[in-house]
Protein backbone atom coordinates (compact mmCIF):
# COMPACT_ATOMS: atom_id res chain seq x y z
CA MET A 1 -3.51 308.98 72.00
CA SER A 2 -4.16 311.56 69.32
CA ILE A 3 -2.19 311.80 66.12
CA THR A 4 -0.63 315.20 65.55
CA ARG A 5 0.12 316.85 62.23
CA VAL A 6 3.78 315.87 62.62
CA ASP A 7 2.79 312.26 63.30
CA PHE A 8 0.65 312.27 60.16
CA ILE A 9 3.56 313.63 58.09
CA VAL A 10 5.91 311.00 59.52
CA LEU A 11 3.39 308.25 58.73
CA LEU A 12 3.04 309.58 55.20
CA ILE A 13 6.83 309.56 54.80
CA LEU A 14 7.06 306.00 56.16
CA VAL A 15 4.32 304.74 53.83
CA THR A 16 5.93 306.53 50.86
CA GLY A 17 9.32 305.06 51.77
CA SER A 18 7.84 301.56 51.99
CA VAL A 19 6.18 301.94 48.58
CA ILE A 20 9.39 303.26 47.01
CA ALA A 21 11.43 300.43 48.58
CA PHE A 22 9.02 297.90 47.04
CA THR A 23 8.69 299.52 43.61
CA THR A 24 12.47 299.89 43.27
CA ARG A 25 12.87 296.23 44.30
CA LYS A 26 14.94 297.02 47.37
CA LEU A 27 12.38 295.16 49.51
CA SER A 28 9.91 292.40 48.67
CA LEU A 29 6.23 293.20 49.21
CA PHE A 30 6.08 291.49 52.61
CA ALA A 31 9.43 293.02 53.62
CA SER A 32 8.16 296.46 52.67
CA ILE A 33 4.96 296.05 54.67
CA SER A 34 6.87 294.59 57.63
CA GLY A 35 9.46 297.37 57.56
CA GLY A 36 6.77 300.05 57.39
CA CYS A 37 4.87 298.53 60.30
CA ILE A 38 8.00 298.19 62.42
CA ALA A 39 9.03 301.77 61.61
CA THR A 40 5.58 303.01 62.61
CA LEU A 41 5.68 301.07 65.88
CA VAL A 42 9.14 302.33 66.82
CA TYR A 43 8.20 305.89 65.88
CA PHE A 44 5.20 305.90 68.20
CA THR A 45 7.24 304.23 70.94
CA PHE A 46 10.62 305.97 70.73
CA GLY A 47 10.03 308.91 68.39
CA TRP A 48 12.62 310.15 65.93
CA THR A 49 15.58 308.40 67.52
CA VAL A 50 14.98 304.81 66.49
CA VAL A 51 13.24 305.68 63.21
CA SER A 52 16.25 307.74 62.15
CA MET A 53 18.55 304.83 62.98
CA MET A 54 16.36 302.44 61.03
CA VAL A 55 16.31 304.76 58.02
CA LEU A 56 20.08 305.28 58.18
CA PHE A 57 20.68 301.53 58.46
CA PHE A 58 18.39 300.90 55.47
CA ALA A 59 20.05 303.63 53.40
CA PHE A 60 23.57 302.39 54.19
CA GLY A 61 22.60 298.75 53.66
CA THR A 62 20.83 299.40 50.36
CA TRP A 63 23.74 301.43 49.07
CA ALA A 64 26.37 298.93 50.24
CA THR A 65 24.49 295.99 48.73
CA SER A 66 24.40 297.57 45.28
CA TRP A 67 27.88 299.18 45.46
CA LYS A 68 30.38 297.55 43.07
CA ASN A 69 27.93 294.75 42.33
CA GLN A 70 29.99 293.65 39.32
CA VAL A 71 32.99 293.07 41.58
CA LYS A 72 30.83 291.09 44.01
CA GLN A 73 29.49 288.98 41.13
CA SER A 74 33.02 288.24 39.91
CA ILE A 75 34.03 286.92 43.35
CA GLY A 76 30.72 285.14 44.04
CA MET A 77 29.60 287.51 46.81
CA GLU A 78 26.54 289.14 45.22
CA GLU A 79 23.24 289.17 47.09
CA LYS A 80 20.57 286.64 46.23
CA ASN A 81 17.43 287.93 44.49
CA LYS A 82 19.44 290.79 42.94
CA GLY A 83 19.66 292.50 46.31
CA THR A 84 15.92 292.51 47.06
CA ARG A 85 15.66 292.09 50.82
CA GLN A 86 13.14 289.65 52.24
CA ALA A 87 10.94 289.96 55.34
CA SER A 88 13.23 287.59 57.24
CA GLN A 89 16.06 290.09 56.74
CA VAL A 90 13.86 292.96 57.92
CA PHE A 91 12.99 291.05 61.10
CA ALA A 92 16.62 290.01 61.60
CA ASN A 93 17.80 293.62 61.43
CA ALA A 94 14.84 295.45 63.01
CA GLY A 95 13.39 292.72 65.20
CA THR A 96 15.17 293.83 68.36
CA ALA A 97 13.86 297.38 67.92
CA MET A 98 10.37 295.96 67.35
CA LEU A 99 10.62 293.79 70.46
CA ALA A 100 11.97 296.73 72.48
CA SER A 101 9.00 298.83 71.33
CA LEU A 102 6.53 296.16 72.38
CA LEU A 103 8.24 295.80 75.75
CA VAL A 104 7.99 299.57 76.30
CA LEU A 105 4.23 299.23 75.97
CA LEU A 106 4.28 296.65 78.79
CA PHE A 107 7.03 298.21 80.90
CA PRO A 108 7.16 301.98 80.27
CA VAL A 109 9.58 302.46 83.15
CA ALA A 110 12.22 300.53 81.14
CA LYS A 111 12.00 302.84 78.11
CA GLU A 112 15.53 304.27 78.38
CA CYS A 113 17.10 300.85 78.72
CA LEU A 114 15.03 299.45 75.84
CA LEU A 115 15.91 302.48 73.71
CA LEU A 116 19.57 301.67 74.23
CA ALA A 117 18.88 298.05 73.22
CA ALA A 118 17.21 299.21 69.99
CA ALA A 119 20.08 301.60 69.24
CA SER A 120 22.63 298.87 69.93
CA SER A 121 20.87 296.46 67.59
CA PHE A 122 20.90 298.96 64.71
CA SER A 123 24.52 299.77 65.46
CA ALA A 124 25.42 296.08 65.23
CA ALA A 125 23.29 295.51 62.11
CA THR A 126 24.89 298.48 60.37
CA ALA A 127 28.40 297.33 61.27
CA ASP A 128 27.67 293.79 60.09
CA THR A 129 26.09 294.83 56.80
CA LEU A 130 28.71 297.39 55.85
CA SER A 131 31.67 295.27 56.90
CA SER A 132 30.48 292.24 54.94
CA GLU A 133 29.22 294.08 51.84
CA LEU A 134 32.13 296.51 51.52
CA GLY A 135 34.80 294.45 53.21
CA SER A 136 34.39 291.79 50.53
CA VAL A 137 35.06 294.45 47.89
CA TYR A 138 37.85 296.46 49.52
CA GLY A 139 39.46 293.84 51.75
CA LYS A 140 42.98 292.73 50.90
CA LYS A 141 43.80 290.05 53.47
CA PHE A 142 41.09 287.94 55.08
CA PHE A 143 41.41 286.10 58.37
CA ASN A 144 39.23 284.24 60.84
CA ILE A 145 38.26 286.51 63.72
CA LEU A 146 38.64 283.68 66.26
CA SER A 147 41.77 281.85 65.10
CA LEU A 148 43.43 284.82 63.34
CA ARG A 149 44.41 282.40 60.57
CA LYS A 150 44.23 283.39 56.93
CA GLU A 151 41.02 282.12 55.30
CA PRO A 152 39.11 282.87 52.08
CA ARG A 153 36.61 285.74 52.05
CA GLY A 154 32.94 284.96 52.40
CA LEU A 155 33.17 282.33 55.11
CA ASP A 156 31.44 282.89 58.45
CA GLY A 157 33.74 284.66 60.88
CA VAL A 158 36.21 285.75 58.19
CA ILE A 159 36.98 289.46 58.17
CA SER A 160 39.40 291.96 56.72
CA TRP A 161 40.84 295.04 58.40
CA GLU A 162 39.17 297.20 55.75
CA GLY A 163 35.78 295.63 56.47
CA LEU A 164 36.31 295.98 60.21
CA PHE A 165 36.99 299.72 59.95
CA ILE A 166 34.11 300.28 57.52
CA GLY A 167 31.81 298.47 59.97
CA LEU A 168 33.10 300.61 62.84
CA ALA A 169 32.36 303.75 60.83
CA GLY A 170 28.78 302.60 60.19
CA SER A 171 28.30 301.66 63.82
CA SER A 172 29.65 305.06 64.85
CA ALA A 173 27.13 306.82 62.60
CA ILE A 174 24.31 305.10 64.49
CA ALA A 175 25.94 306.03 67.81
CA VAL A 176 26.11 309.67 66.71
CA LEU A 177 22.37 309.64 65.95
CA TYR A 178 21.71 308.21 69.39
CA GLY A 179 23.88 310.91 70.92
CA VAL A 180 22.25 313.71 68.96
CA PHE A 181 18.69 312.66 69.74
CA GLU A 182 19.06 311.23 73.23
CA GLN A 183 22.19 312.24 75.07
CA TRP A 184 23.97 315.31 73.76
CA ASN A 185 20.77 317.35 73.57
CA ILE A 186 20.75 317.39 77.38
CA TYR A 187 23.92 319.46 77.27
CA PHE A 188 23.47 321.47 74.09
CA TRP A 189 19.81 322.47 74.04
């Protein structure tokens, strides 16, 4: 496998992004290194598709975490460590894509199915992050998703309609990237 000029530029962008994420305290040192390594692995396995989803998830999540932080502090919903994400969070959100990439190396014939698994995991992670971060700020009425009973915000399984629709919008953005890179190009290009 030879590295092309485009691959080198992508690697340079990924390294630069990891350094910026660490120096701006968006990611801890280990989280930054882990994220950069996972992004590199998924780039060489799936190409632009999964890397673009990972970048979009990170951009949305970083923005949503810092958005209206004073409001989140006043209701006790602010992120720990002033919003600096840890390696465990990187693996929780990008671990499925990493595992899918490793499985592609073992089972190349399953690449399309594993690509869909990686896309689905970023879609779910984006929906979860945006709905919890922004739903806690913009939500008016909170209820348990299973019992449909009114409950206080911040508890596991408690959602608001506003958070639900924000999460759906984020999930849809990931789906659009998947469509642009993997599906729609069959018909449009």
